[in-house]
Each structure stands twice: as structure tokens, then as C-alpha cells.
Amino acid sequence: MKDADAAELERAIRAVARGERYLTPSVSHHVIERFMRAERGEPGAQAEPLSPRQREVLQLVTEGRSTREIAERPHLSVKTVETHRAQLMQRLEIFDVAGLTRYALRIGLIDPER
């Protein structure tokens, strides 16, 4: 993780050098929670292929925000927002706003009543 301290980074490097996989405790927790939600069939359990920033951009796109409005909100550049939008469309294989909106509704990211 970007915010890992030196000791955490050292543990990760040593584990990988031994040929092991390494997950930080917070990532391990996230992975287990996702697995448990998927096992229970909860909405949103399949939304995890997206990064938190991509999820945020997806939500703002489906709220009808323009690229410039999205860039102003989380203090990103327009180019960065365009990159996130392109990456999430590629990852989801959905290339229009209507499809993104249907996906966001399906995973429970947006409320249909709003």
C-alpha cells in the first residue's frame, strides 16, 4: 500500500523474496469481507474489480456529472478523470453512460430512488 510504513514494506519484501504472497492486514480484511459478501449473495460483492477512485468516478458519472465537475470534486485533473473513466469502462467492458448506470444500480452503488 502507498501508506505502508518501513516495517510493513520490509515484511512484504521478505515474504515475496521467499516466494510467498503478501497481503497487508487491511487488504486481507477487505479480501475476506468481499468473499463473505459474495458467498451471501449481497449486492455490491462483484463491484470490487474497481479501485476506490474508479468507484467514486463511476458514481459521479452515473449522477450525471461532467468530467470537469468530477475533476473539481476530488481535486483531480480532467486528464486523470478521463483516465479513470476509460479504465473502468475497459475493466467492466461497458462503454456508455447508460450501461455504467445499469451496472452501478445492479451492484448497489447508486440508489434508484435518488
N, C-alpha and C. Protein backbone atom coordinates (compact mmCIF):
# COMPACT_ATOMS: atom_id res chain seq x y z
N MET A 1 0.84 -1.18 0.00
CA MET A 1 0.00 0.00 0.00
C MET A 1 0.88 1.24 0.00
N LYS A 2 0.36 2.31 -0.57
CA LYS A 2 1.12 3.55 -0.66
C LYS A 2 1.51 4.10 0.70
N ASP A 3 0.67 3.90 1.69
CA ASP A 3 0.91 4.50 3.00
C ASP A 3 1.58 3.52 3.99
N ALA A 4 2.10 2.41 3.48
CA ALA A 4 2.73 1.42 4.36
C ALA A 4 4.01 2.00 4.98
N ASP A 5 4.23 1.64 6.24
CA ASP A 5 5.46 2.10 6.89
C ASP A 5 6.63 1.18 6.50
N ALA A 6 7.82 1.53 6.92
CA ALA A 6 9.03 0.79 6.53
C ALA A 6 8.98 -0.66 6.99
N ALA A 7 8.48 -0.91 8.20
CA ALA A 7 8.42 -2.28 8.71
C ALA A 7 7.47 -3.14 7.86
N GLU A 8 6.35 -2.57 7.47
CA GLU A 8 5.38 -3.28 6.63
C GLU A 8 6.00 -3.60 5.27
N LEU A 9 6.69 -2.63 4.71
CA LEU A 9 7.35 -2.83 3.43
C LEU A 9 8.41 -3.92 3.52
N GLU A 10 9.16 -3.93 4.61
CA GLU A 10 10.19 -4.95 4.79
C GLU A 10 9.57 -6.35 4.88
N ARG A 11 8.46 -6.48 5.65
CA ARG A 11 7.78 -7.78 5.75
C ARG A 11 7.32 -8.26 4.37
N ALA A 12 6.79 -7.33 3.60
CA ALA A 12 6.30 -7.68 2.27
C ALA A 12 7.44 -8.14 1.36
N ILE A 13 8.54 -7.41 1.38
CA ILE A 13 9.69 -7.77 0.54
C ILE A 13 10.24 -9.13 0.93
N ARG A 14 10.37 -9.36 2.24
CA ARG A 14 10.90 -10.66 2.70
C ARG A 14 9.98 -11.81 2.30
N ALA A 15 8.69 -11.61 2.43
CA ALA A 15 7.74 -12.66 2.06
C ALA A 15 7.82 -12.96 0.56
N VAL A 16 7.85 -11.94 -0.24
CA VAL A 16 7.93 -12.13 -1.69
C VAL A 16 9.26 -12.77 -2.08
N ALA A 17 10.34 -12.38 -1.40
CA ALA A 17 11.66 -12.97 -1.67
C ALA A 17 11.66 -14.47 -1.37
N ARG A 18 10.84 -14.90 -0.39
CA ARG A 18 10.72 -16.33 -0.06
C ARG A 18 9.77 -17.05 -1.01
N GLY A 19 9.20 -16.31 -1.97
CA GLY A 19 8.27 -16.91 -2.91
C GLY A 19 6.85 -16.97 -2.40
N GLU A 20 6.56 -16.24 -1.33
CA GLU A 20 5.22 -16.23 -0.75
C GLU A 20 4.43 -15.04 -1.28
N ARG A 21 3.15 -15.10 -1.05
CA ARG A 21 2.29 -13.94 -1.33
C ARG A 21 2.20 -13.13 -0.05
N TYR A 22 1.98 -11.82 -0.21
CA TYR A 22 1.85 -10.98 0.98
C TYR A 22 0.69 -10.02 0.80
N LEU A 23 -0.16 -9.97 1.80
CA LEU A 23 -1.25 -9.01 1.86
C LEU A 23 -1.17 -8.28 3.19
N THR A 24 -1.34 -6.98 3.15
CA THR A 24 -1.38 -6.23 4.41
C THR A 24 -2.62 -6.66 5.18
N PRO A 25 -2.64 -6.44 6.49
CA PRO A 25 -3.84 -6.79 7.25
C PRO A 25 -5.10 -6.12 6.72
N SER A 26 -4.99 -4.85 6.29
CA SER A 26 -6.19 -4.17 5.78
C SER A 26 -6.66 -4.78 4.46
N VAL A 27 -5.73 -5.17 3.61
CA VAL A 27 -6.10 -5.80 2.35
C VAL A 27 -6.68 -7.19 2.62
N SER A 28 -6.07 -7.94 3.53
CA SER A 28 -6.60 -9.26 3.89
C SER A 28 -8.04 -9.15 4.38
N HIS A 29 -8.28 -8.16 5.22
CA HIS A 29 -9.64 -7.94 5.74
C HIS A 29 -10.60 -7.66 4.58
N HIS A 30 -10.19 -6.80 3.66
CA HIS A 30 -11.01 -6.44 2.51
C HIS A 30 -11.32 -7.66 1.66
N VAL A 31 -10.32 -8.48 1.39
CA VAL A 31 -10.50 -9.67 0.57
C VAL A 31 -11.47 -10.64 1.24
N ILE A 32 -11.31 -10.84 2.54
CA ILE A 32 -12.20 -11.75 3.27
C ILE A 32 -13.62 -11.21 3.29
N GLU A 33 -13.78 -9.92 3.52
CA GLU A 33 -15.12 -9.32 3.52
C GLU A 33 -15.79 -9.47 2.16
N ARG A 34 -15.04 -9.24 1.09
CA ARG A 34 -15.59 -9.39 -0.25
C ARG A 34 -16.03 -10.83 -0.49
N PHE A 35 -15.20 -11.77 -0.08
CA PHE A 35 -15.53 -13.18 -0.24
C PHE A 35 -16.82 -13.51 0.52
N MET A 36 -16.90 -13.02 1.75
CA MET A 36 -18.09 -13.30 2.57
C MET A 36 -19.35 -12.68 1.96
N ARG A 37 -19.24 -11.45 1.44
CA ARG A 37 -20.40 -10.82 0.80
C ARG A 37 -20.82 -11.60 -0.44
N ALA A 38 -19.84 -12.05 -1.21
CA ALA A 38 -20.15 -12.83 -2.42
C ALA A 38 -20.82 -14.15 -2.03
N GLU A 39 -20.33 -14.79 -0.98
CA GLU A 39 -20.91 -16.05 -0.52
C GLU A 39 -22.37 -15.86 -0.09
N ARG A 40 -22.66 -14.71 0.51
CA ARG A 40 -24.03 -14.42 0.95
C ARG A 40 -24.88 -13.86 -0.18
N GLY A 41 -24.26 -13.59 -1.34
CA GLY A 41 -25.00 -13.05 -2.48
C GLY A 41 -25.42 -11.62 -2.30
N GLU A 42 -24.68 -10.86 -1.50
CA GLU A 42 -25.05 -9.47 -1.24
C GLU A 42 -24.77 -8.58 -2.45
N PRO A 43 -25.60 -7.54 -2.64
CA PRO A 43 -25.35 -6.59 -3.71
C PRO A 43 -24.00 -5.90 -3.50
N GLY A 44 -23.33 -5.62 -4.57
CA GLY A 44 -22.05 -4.93 -4.49
C GLY A 44 -20.86 -5.84 -4.31
N ALA A 45 -21.10 -7.11 -4.10
CA ALA A 45 -19.99 -8.03 -3.87
C ALA A 45 -19.11 -8.17 -5.10
N GLN A 46 -19.67 -7.96 -6.28
CA GLN A 46 -18.89 -8.10 -7.50
C GLN A 46 -18.30 -6.77 -7.96
N ALA A 47 -18.49 -5.70 -7.20
CA ALA A 47 -18.03 -4.38 -7.62
C ALA A 47 -16.55 -4.16 -7.38
N GLU A 48 -15.88 -5.09 -6.78
CA GLU A 48 -14.52 -4.89 -6.34
C GLU A 48 -13.44 -4.88 -7.42
N PRO A 49 -13.75 -5.21 -8.68
CA PRO A 49 -12.67 -5.06 -9.64
C PRO A 49 -12.26 -3.60 -9.80
N LEU A 50 -13.05 -2.68 -9.29
CA LEU A 50 -12.74 -1.26 -9.41
C LEU A 50 -12.01 -0.76 -8.18
N SER A 51 -11.10 0.16 -8.42
CA SER A 51 -10.41 0.81 -7.30
C SER A 51 -11.40 1.76 -6.62
N PRO A 52 -11.10 2.18 -5.40
CA PRO A 52 -11.98 3.15 -4.75
C PRO A 52 -12.18 4.42 -5.58
N ARG A 53 -11.13 4.91 -6.23
CA ARG A 53 -11.26 6.11 -7.06
C ARG A 53 -12.14 5.84 -8.28
N GLN A 54 -12.00 4.64 -8.89
CA GLN A 54 -12.85 4.30 -10.02
C GLN A 54 -14.31 4.20 -9.60
N ARG A 55 -14.55 3.65 -8.42
CA ARG A 55 -15.91 3.58 -7.90
C ARG A 55 -16.48 4.98 -7.70
N GLU A 56 -15.65 5.87 -7.18
CA GLU A 56 -16.07 7.25 -6.96
C GLU A 56 -16.40 7.92 -8.30
N VAL A 57 -15.52 7.74 -9.28
CA VAL A 57 -15.76 8.32 -10.60
C VAL A 57 -17.02 7.71 -11.21
N LEU A 58 -17.19 6.40 -11.09
CA LEU A 58 -18.39 5.75 -11.61
C LEU A 58 -19.64 6.35 -10.99
N GLN A 59 -19.63 6.53 -9.69
CA GLN A 59 -20.80 7.09 -9.02
C GLN A 59 -21.09 8.50 -9.53
N LEU A 60 -20.06 9.31 -9.68
CA LEU A 60 -20.26 10.68 -10.14
C LEU A 60 -20.72 10.72 -11.60
N VAL A 61 -20.19 9.83 -12.43
CA VAL A 61 -20.64 9.75 -13.83
C VAL A 61 -22.11 9.40 -13.87
N THR A 62 -22.52 8.42 -13.07
CA THR A 62 -23.92 7.98 -13.10
C THR A 62 -24.85 9.00 -12.46
N GLU A 63 -24.29 9.95 -11.72
CA GLU A 63 -25.10 11.06 -11.19
C GLU A 63 -25.24 12.17 -12.22
N GLY A 64 -24.62 11.99 -13.39
CA GLY A 64 -24.74 12.97 -14.45
C GLY A 64 -23.71 14.08 -14.41
N ARG A 65 -22.65 13.91 -13.64
CA ARG A 65 -21.61 14.93 -13.54
C ARG A 65 -20.73 14.94 -14.79
N SER A 66 -20.31 16.13 -15.20
CA SER A 66 -19.39 16.24 -16.33
C SER A 66 -17.97 15.90 -15.86
N THR A 67 -17.09 15.66 -16.81
CA THR A 67 -15.70 15.35 -16.48
C THR A 67 -15.10 16.49 -15.65
N ARG A 68 -15.36 17.73 -16.04
CA ARG A 68 -14.82 18.88 -15.31
C ARG A 68 -15.38 18.93 -13.88
N GLU A 69 -16.67 18.66 -13.72
CA GLU A 69 -17.27 18.65 -12.37
C GLU A 69 -16.65 17.54 -11.51
N ILE A 70 -16.43 16.38 -12.11
CA ILE A 70 -15.83 15.27 -11.38
C ILE A 70 -14.41 15.64 -10.95
N ALA A 71 -13.68 16.28 -11.85
CA ALA A 71 -12.29 16.66 -11.55
C ALA A 71 -12.24 17.67 -10.41
N GLU A 72 -13.20 18.58 -10.33
CA GLU A 72 -13.22 19.58 -9.27
C GLU A 72 -13.55 18.97 -7.91
N ARG A 73 -14.40 18.00 -7.90
CA ARG A 73 -14.86 17.43 -6.63
C ARG A 73 -13.75 16.75 -5.84
N PRO A 74 -13.05 15.75 -6.41
CA PRO A 74 -11.97 15.14 -5.63
C PRO A 74 -10.61 15.80 -5.89
N HIS A 75 -10.64 16.97 -6.53
CA HIS A 75 -9.41 17.72 -6.81
C HIS A 75 -8.44 16.92 -7.68
N LEU A 76 -8.94 16.45 -8.79
CA LEU A 76 -8.14 15.73 -9.77
C LEU A 76 -8.08 16.56 -11.04
N SER A 77 -7.16 16.21 -11.92
CA SER A 77 -7.12 16.88 -13.22
C SER A 77 -8.17 16.23 -14.12
N VAL A 78 -8.59 16.97 -15.13
CA VAL A 78 -9.53 16.43 -16.10
C VAL A 78 -8.94 15.19 -16.76
N LYS A 79 -7.66 15.24 -17.08
CA LYS A 79 -6.97 14.09 -17.72
C LYS A 79 -7.04 12.85 -16.82
N THR A 80 -6.83 13.03 -15.51
CA THR A 80 -6.89 11.90 -14.58
C THR A 80 -8.29 11.31 -14.53
N VAL A 81 -9.30 12.15 -14.51
CA VAL A 81 -10.68 11.67 -14.51
C VAL A 81 -10.96 10.90 -15.79
N GLU A 82 -10.51 11.43 -16.91
CA GLU A 82 -10.71 10.72 -18.19
C GLU A 82 -10.02 9.36 -18.16
N THR A 83 -8.83 9.30 -17.57
CA THR A 83 -8.11 8.03 -17.46
C THR A 83 -8.88 7.04 -16.60
N HIS A 84 -9.36 7.50 -15.43
CA HIS A 84 -10.14 6.61 -14.56
C HIS A 84 -11.40 6.11 -15.27
N ARG A 85 -12.07 7.01 -15.97
CA ARG A 85 -13.29 6.63 -16.68
C ARG A 85 -12.98 5.58 -17.76
N ALA A 86 -11.91 5.80 -18.52
CA ALA A 86 -11.53 4.85 -19.57
C ALA A 86 -11.15 3.50 -18.97
N GLN A 87 -10.41 3.51 -17.85
CA GLN A 87 -10.00 2.26 -17.22
C GLN A 87 -11.20 1.49 -16.69
N LEU A 88 -12.15 2.19 -16.07
CA LEU A 88 -13.30 1.45 -15.52
C LEU A 88 -14.17 0.93 -16.65
N MET A 89 -14.30 1.68 -17.73
CA MET A 89 -15.08 1.16 -18.87
C MET A 89 -14.41 -0.06 -19.47
N GLN A 90 -13.10 0.00 -19.60
CA GLN A 90 -12.36 -1.14 -20.14
C GLN A 90 -12.50 -2.35 -19.23
N ARG A 91 -12.33 -2.14 -17.93
CA ARG A 91 -12.41 -3.24 -16.98
C ARG A 91 -13.79 -3.87 -16.96
N LEU A 92 -14.82 -3.04 -17.05
CA LEU A 92 -16.18 -3.55 -17.00
C LEU A 92 -16.71 -3.96 -18.37
N GLU A 93 -15.99 -3.55 -19.43
CA GLU A 93 -16.43 -3.78 -20.79
C GLU A 93 -17.80 -3.16 -21.03
N ILE A 94 -17.96 -1.95 -20.51
CA ILE A 94 -19.18 -1.15 -20.69
C ILE A 94 -18.70 0.20 -21.21
N PHE A 95 -19.24 0.61 -22.34
CA PHE A 95 -18.68 1.79 -22.99
C PHE A 95 -19.67 2.94 -23.19
N ASP A 96 -20.74 2.96 -22.40
CA ASP A 96 -21.63 4.11 -22.46
C ASP A 96 -22.17 4.40 -21.07
N VAL A 97 -22.65 5.62 -20.87
CA VAL A 97 -23.11 6.04 -19.54
C VAL A 97 -24.34 5.24 -19.11
N ALA A 98 -25.22 4.94 -20.06
CA ALA A 98 -26.42 4.15 -19.71
C ALA A 98 -26.02 2.79 -19.16
N GLY A 99 -25.05 2.14 -19.80
CA GLY A 99 -24.58 0.85 -19.32
C GLY A 99 -23.90 0.97 -17.97
N LEU A 100 -23.11 2.02 -17.79
CA LEU A 100 -22.47 2.23 -16.48
C LEU A 100 -23.52 2.44 -15.40
N THR A 101 -24.57 3.16 -15.74
CA THR A 101 -25.64 3.41 -14.76
C THR A 101 -26.35 2.11 -14.39
N ARG A 102 -26.63 1.28 -15.38
CA ARG A 102 -27.26 -0.02 -15.08
C ARG A 102 -26.35 -0.85 -14.17
N TYR A 103 -25.06 -0.85 -14.46
CA TYR A 103 -24.10 -1.59 -13.64
C TYR A 103 -24.09 -1.05 -12.21
N ALA A 104 -24.02 0.27 -12.07
CA ALA A 104 -23.99 0.88 -10.74
C ALA A 104 -25.25 0.56 -9.95
N LEU A 105 -26.39 0.54 -10.61
CA LEU A 105 -27.64 0.15 -9.95
C LEU A 105 -27.59 -1.31 -9.52
N ARG A 106 -27.12 -2.17 -10.42
CA ARG A 106 -27.07 -3.61 -10.14
C ARG A 106 -26.20 -3.93 -8.93
N ILE A 107 -25.07 -3.22 -8.78
CA ILE A 107 -24.16 -3.53 -7.68
C ILE A 107 -24.51 -2.75 -6.41
N GLY A 108 -25.53 -1.90 -6.48
CA GLY A 108 -25.93 -1.15 -5.29
C GLY A 108 -25.09 0.08 -5.02
N LEU A 109 -24.35 0.54 -6.02
CA LEU A 109 -23.51 1.73 -5.83
C LEU A 109 -24.35 3.00 -5.80
N ILE A 110 -25.44 3.01 -6.56
CA ILE A 110 -26.34 4.16 -6.55
C ILE A 110 -27.73 3.69 -6.18
N ASP A 111 -28.49 4.58 -5.63
CA ASP A 111 -29.85 4.31 -5.17
C ASP A 111 -30.83 4.66 -6.29
N PRO A 112 -31.66 3.72 -6.72
CA PRO A 112 -32.60 4.02 -7.81
C PRO A 112 -33.64 5.08 -7.42
N GLU A 113 -33.81 5.32 -6.15
CA GLU A 113 -34.79 6.28 -5.67
C GLU A 113 -34.26 7.71 -5.68
N ARG A 114 -32.97 7.88 -5.93
CA ARG A 114 -32.38 9.23 -5.91
C ARG A 114 -32.50 9.92 -7.22
